[in-house]
N, C-alpha and C. Protein backbone atom coordinates (compact mmCIF):
# COMPACT_ATOMS: atom_id res chain seq x y z
N MET A 1 103.11 66.22 105.48
CA MET A 1 102.93 67.00 106.69
C MET A 1 103.80 68.26 106.59
N ASP A 2 103.23 69.40 106.93
CA ASP A 2 103.96 70.67 106.94
C ASP A 2 104.60 70.83 108.31
N ARG A 3 105.85 70.42 108.42
CA ARG A 3 106.53 70.45 109.72
C ARG A 3 106.75 71.87 110.24
N ASP A 4 106.97 72.83 109.33
CA ASP A 4 107.14 74.23 109.77
C ASP A 4 105.85 74.75 110.41
N ALA A 5 104.72 74.47 109.78
CA ALA A 5 103.44 74.91 110.34
C ALA A 5 103.18 74.25 111.68
N LEU A 6 103.50 72.97 111.78
CA LEU A 6 103.33 72.28 113.06
C LEU A 6 104.23 72.88 114.13
N ALA A 7 105.47 73.19 113.78
CA ALA A 7 106.40 73.80 114.75
C ALA A 7 105.88 75.16 115.20
N ARG A 8 105.36 75.96 114.26
CA ARG A 8 104.79 77.27 114.64
C ARG A 8 103.61 77.10 115.58
N PHE A 9 102.75 76.14 115.26
CA PHE A 9 101.60 75.88 116.12
C PHE A 9 102.06 75.49 117.52
N MET A 10 103.05 74.66 117.60
CA MET A 10 103.54 74.21 118.91
C MET A 10 104.18 75.35 119.69
N ARG A 11 104.71 76.35 119.01
CA ARG A 11 105.28 77.51 119.69
C ARG A 11 104.22 78.56 119.99
N PHE A 12 102.97 78.32 119.57
CA PHE A 12 101.86 79.24 119.81
C PHE A 12 102.17 80.64 119.29
N GLU A 13 102.69 80.73 118.08
CA GLU A 13 103.05 82.03 117.53
C GLU A 13 101.83 82.90 117.20
N HIS A 14 100.75 82.28 116.74
CA HIS A 14 99.61 83.08 116.30
C HIS A 14 98.60 83.26 117.42
N ARG A 15 97.91 84.40 117.34
CA ARG A 15 96.91 84.74 118.36
C ARG A 15 95.66 85.26 117.70
N THR A 16 94.57 85.21 118.44
CA THR A 16 93.30 85.78 118.01
C THR A 16 92.90 86.84 119.02
N PHE A 17 92.50 88.00 118.52
CA PHE A 17 92.03 89.11 119.36
C PHE A 17 90.55 89.31 119.05
N ARG A 18 89.72 89.33 120.10
CA ARG A 18 88.26 89.45 119.93
C ARG A 18 87.73 90.63 120.75
N TRP A 19 86.68 91.26 120.24
CA TRP A 19 86.03 92.34 120.97
C TRP A 19 84.59 92.44 120.49
N ASN A 20 83.74 93.00 121.35
CA ASN A 20 82.35 93.26 120.95
C ASN A 20 81.89 94.58 121.54
N ASP A 21 80.63 94.92 121.28
CA ASP A 21 80.11 96.20 121.74
C ASP A 21 79.72 96.20 123.21
N GLY A 22 79.84 95.06 123.86
CA GLY A 22 79.51 94.97 125.28
C GLY A 22 78.05 94.70 125.56
N GLU A 23 77.21 94.73 124.53
CA GLU A 23 75.78 94.52 124.74
C GLU A 23 75.30 93.15 124.25
N ASP A 24 75.77 92.74 123.10
CA ASP A 24 75.36 91.45 122.53
C ASP A 24 76.54 90.51 122.59
N HIS A 25 76.56 89.65 123.60
CA HIS A 25 77.70 88.76 123.81
C HIS A 25 77.71 87.56 122.87
N SER A 26 76.69 87.44 122.01
CA SER A 26 76.67 86.34 121.05
C SER A 26 77.38 86.72 119.75
N ARG A 27 77.81 87.98 119.64
CA ARG A 27 78.49 88.45 118.43
C ARG A 27 79.78 89.17 118.82
N TYR A 28 80.79 89.03 117.98
CA TYR A 28 82.03 89.76 118.21
C TYR A 28 82.77 89.96 116.89
N GLN A 29 83.75 90.84 116.92
CA GLN A 29 84.67 91.03 115.82
C GLN A 29 86.01 90.45 116.25
N ALA A 30 86.82 90.06 115.27
CA ALA A 30 88.09 89.44 115.60
C ALA A 30 89.13 89.70 114.52
N VAL A 31 90.37 89.58 114.94
CA VAL A 31 91.50 89.55 114.01
C VAL A 31 92.45 88.49 114.54
N GLU A 32 92.97 87.68 113.64
CA GLU A 32 93.92 86.67 114.07
C GLU A 32 95.13 86.68 113.14
N SER A 33 96.27 86.44 113.73
CA SER A 33 97.47 86.35 112.92
C SER A 33 97.54 84.97 112.28
N THR A 34 97.99 84.93 111.04
CA THR A 34 98.18 83.68 110.31
C THR A 34 99.52 83.77 109.60
N ASP A 35 99.94 82.70 108.99
CA ASP A 35 101.18 82.74 108.23
C ASP A 35 101.09 83.72 107.06
N ALA A 36 99.89 83.92 106.52
CA ALA A 36 99.69 84.77 105.35
C ALA A 36 99.44 86.24 105.68
N GLY A 37 99.13 86.54 106.92
CA GLY A 37 98.80 87.92 107.31
C GLY A 37 97.75 87.93 108.39
N LEU A 38 97.02 89.03 108.48
CA LEU A 38 95.97 89.17 109.49
C LEU A 38 94.61 88.85 108.88
N ARG A 39 93.88 87.98 109.52
CA ARG A 39 92.54 87.59 109.07
C ARG A 39 91.53 88.30 109.95
N TRP A 40 90.76 89.20 109.36
CA TRP A 40 89.74 89.98 110.06
C TRP A 40 88.38 89.36 109.76
N TYR A 41 87.49 89.32 110.75
CA TYR A 41 86.15 88.80 110.53
C TYR A 41 85.21 89.19 111.66
N ARG A 42 83.93 88.96 111.41
CA ARG A 42 82.89 89.11 112.43
C ARG A 42 82.34 87.70 112.67
N TRP A 43 81.96 87.44 113.92
CA TRP A 43 81.46 86.11 114.29
C TRP A 43 80.17 86.26 115.07
N SER A 44 79.26 85.34 114.83
CA SER A 44 78.00 85.33 115.56
C SER A 44 77.69 83.92 116.02
N HIS A 45 77.23 83.81 117.26
CA HIS A 45 76.75 82.54 117.79
C HIS A 45 75.23 82.52 117.74
N HIS A 46 74.67 83.29 116.83
CA HIS A 46 73.22 83.40 116.71
C HIS A 46 72.64 82.01 116.49
N PRO A 47 71.54 81.72 117.16
CA PRO A 47 70.98 80.36 117.08
C PRO A 47 70.45 79.98 115.69
N GLU A 48 70.12 80.95 114.86
CA GLU A 48 69.64 80.63 113.52
C GLU A 48 70.84 80.46 112.60
N LEU A 49 70.92 79.34 111.94
CA LEU A 49 72.08 78.98 111.14
C LEU A 49 72.47 80.06 110.14
N GLU A 50 71.53 80.66 109.45
CA GLU A 50 71.88 81.64 108.42
C GLU A 50 72.49 82.91 109.01
N ASP A 51 72.29 83.16 110.29
CA ASP A 51 72.87 84.35 110.93
C ASP A 51 74.12 84.02 111.73
N GLY A 52 74.47 82.76 111.83
CA GLY A 52 75.60 82.38 112.66
C GLY A 52 76.88 82.19 111.87
N GLY A 53 77.97 82.09 112.61
CA GLY A 53 79.25 81.81 111.99
C GLY A 53 80.02 83.04 111.57
N MET A 54 80.99 82.83 110.68
CA MET A 54 81.89 83.89 110.24
C MET A 54 81.27 84.71 109.12
N LYS A 55 81.49 86.02 109.19
CA LYS A 55 81.01 86.96 108.17
C LYS A 55 82.12 87.97 107.90
N ASP A 56 82.07 88.59 106.75
CA ASP A 56 82.96 89.72 106.40
C ASP A 56 84.43 89.38 106.58
N GLU A 57 84.85 88.20 106.16
CA GLU A 57 86.25 87.82 106.30
C GLU A 57 87.11 88.60 105.31
N ALA A 58 88.26 89.07 105.77
CA ALA A 58 89.21 89.78 104.91
C ALA A 58 90.63 89.47 105.38
N LEU A 59 91.54 89.30 104.44
CA LEU A 59 92.93 89.04 104.77
C LEU A 59 93.75 90.29 104.47
N GLN A 60 94.56 90.70 105.41
CA GLN A 60 95.44 91.86 105.27
C GLN A 60 96.88 91.39 105.43
N SER A 61 97.72 91.69 104.46
CA SER A 61 99.12 91.28 104.57
C SER A 61 99.79 92.08 105.69
N TYR A 62 100.87 91.53 106.21
CA TYR A 62 101.61 92.24 107.25
C TYR A 62 102.21 93.53 106.69
N ASP A 63 102.61 93.52 105.41
CA ASP A 63 103.13 94.74 104.79
C ASP A 63 102.06 95.82 104.74
N ASP A 64 100.83 95.44 104.35
CA ASP A 64 99.73 96.42 104.30
C ASP A 64 99.40 96.94 105.70
N TYR A 65 99.43 96.05 106.67
CA TYR A 65 99.17 96.46 108.06
C TYR A 65 100.22 97.47 108.50
N GLY A 66 101.49 97.19 108.19
CA GLY A 66 102.56 98.11 108.56
C GLY A 66 102.44 99.46 107.89
N ALA A 67 101.98 99.47 106.65
CA ALA A 67 101.88 100.72 105.89
C ALA A 67 100.62 101.52 106.20
N ALA A 68 99.50 100.83 106.37
CA ALA A 68 98.21 101.52 106.50
C ALA A 68 97.54 101.36 107.86
N GLY A 69 98.06 100.49 108.71
CA GLY A 69 97.43 100.26 110.00
C GLY A 69 96.34 99.22 109.90
N PRO A 70 95.57 99.06 110.96
CA PRO A 70 94.53 98.02 111.00
C PRO A 70 93.50 98.19 109.89
N LEU A 71 93.03 97.09 109.37
CA LEU A 71 92.01 97.09 108.33
C LEU A 71 90.67 97.59 108.87
N ARG A 72 90.42 97.32 110.15
CA ARG A 72 89.15 97.73 110.78
C ARG A 72 89.46 98.36 112.13
N ALA A 73 88.53 99.15 112.59
CA ALA A 73 88.68 99.79 113.90
C ALA A 73 88.57 98.73 115.00
N LEU A 74 89.40 98.89 116.03
CA LEU A 74 89.34 97.99 117.17
C LEU A 74 89.70 98.78 118.42
N PRO A 75 89.30 98.29 119.59
CA PRO A 75 89.58 99.01 120.83
C PRO A 75 91.09 99.25 120.99
N GLU A 76 91.41 100.35 121.65
CA GLU A 76 92.80 100.75 121.80
C GLU A 76 93.67 99.66 122.44
N ALA A 77 93.18 99.03 123.48
CA ALA A 77 93.98 97.98 124.14
C ALA A 77 94.25 96.83 123.18
N SER A 78 93.26 96.44 122.40
CA SER A 78 93.43 95.38 121.42
C SER A 78 94.38 95.82 120.31
N ALA A 79 94.26 97.07 119.89
CA ALA A 79 95.15 97.60 118.84
C ALA A 79 96.60 97.58 119.31
N ASN A 80 96.83 97.97 120.55
CA ASN A 80 98.19 97.96 121.10
C ASN A 80 98.73 96.53 121.20
N ALA A 81 97.91 95.62 121.68
CA ALA A 81 98.34 94.22 121.81
C ALA A 81 98.61 93.61 120.44
N LEU A 82 97.78 93.94 119.46
CA LEU A 82 97.98 93.44 118.10
C LEU A 82 99.29 93.98 117.52
N ARG A 83 99.53 95.26 117.68
CA ARG A 83 100.76 95.88 117.18
C ARG A 83 102.00 95.19 117.78
N GLU A 84 101.99 94.95 119.08
CA GLU A 84 103.11 94.27 119.74
C GLU A 84 103.26 92.84 119.23
N HIS A 85 102.15 92.16 119.08
CA HIS A 85 102.18 90.77 118.60
C HIS A 85 102.76 90.69 117.18
N VAL A 86 102.30 91.56 116.29
CA VAL A 86 102.80 91.55 114.92
C VAL A 86 104.29 91.88 114.90
N SER A 87 104.69 92.82 115.72
CA SER A 87 106.11 93.18 115.80
C SER A 87 106.95 91.96 116.20
N ARG A 88 106.48 91.21 117.20
CA ARG A 88 107.21 90.00 117.63
C ARG A 88 107.25 88.95 116.52
N LEU A 89 106.12 88.76 115.83
CA LEU A 89 106.07 87.79 114.75
C LEU A 89 107.07 88.14 113.65
N LEU A 90 107.07 89.41 113.26
CA LEU A 90 107.94 89.83 112.17
C LEU A 90 109.41 89.78 112.56
N SER A 91 109.71 90.07 113.82
CA SER A 91 111.11 90.02 114.24
C SER A 91 111.61 88.57 114.28
N ARG A 92 110.74 87.62 114.53
CA ARG A 92 111.13 86.20 114.53
C ARG A 92 111.39 85.68 113.13
N SER A 93 110.71 86.28 112.15
CA SER A 93 110.83 85.77 110.79
C SER A 93 112.04 86.35 110.05
N GLU A 94 112.71 87.32 110.64
CA GLU A 94 113.87 87.94 109.96
C GLU A 94 115.12 87.13 110.13
């Protein structure tokens, strides 16, 4: 058992940020913090199996995020919340 991972989970350190275009509520884009960095992806609840689920997954290290910014465009409010969240995560790990 990975006790450190369990402790992080219990402290709710990681978050997921989701957004969509406002027209198709069955699809969205997301970024979530993980121990390894930021996981970016698109998600669809499309009823046809081949069109549903996770697509375009990419992992961005926290160092790359700090140097180059977000891997993908996201709404300003989400970008601000993500920046604050990553800052808190990194300050806890120092």
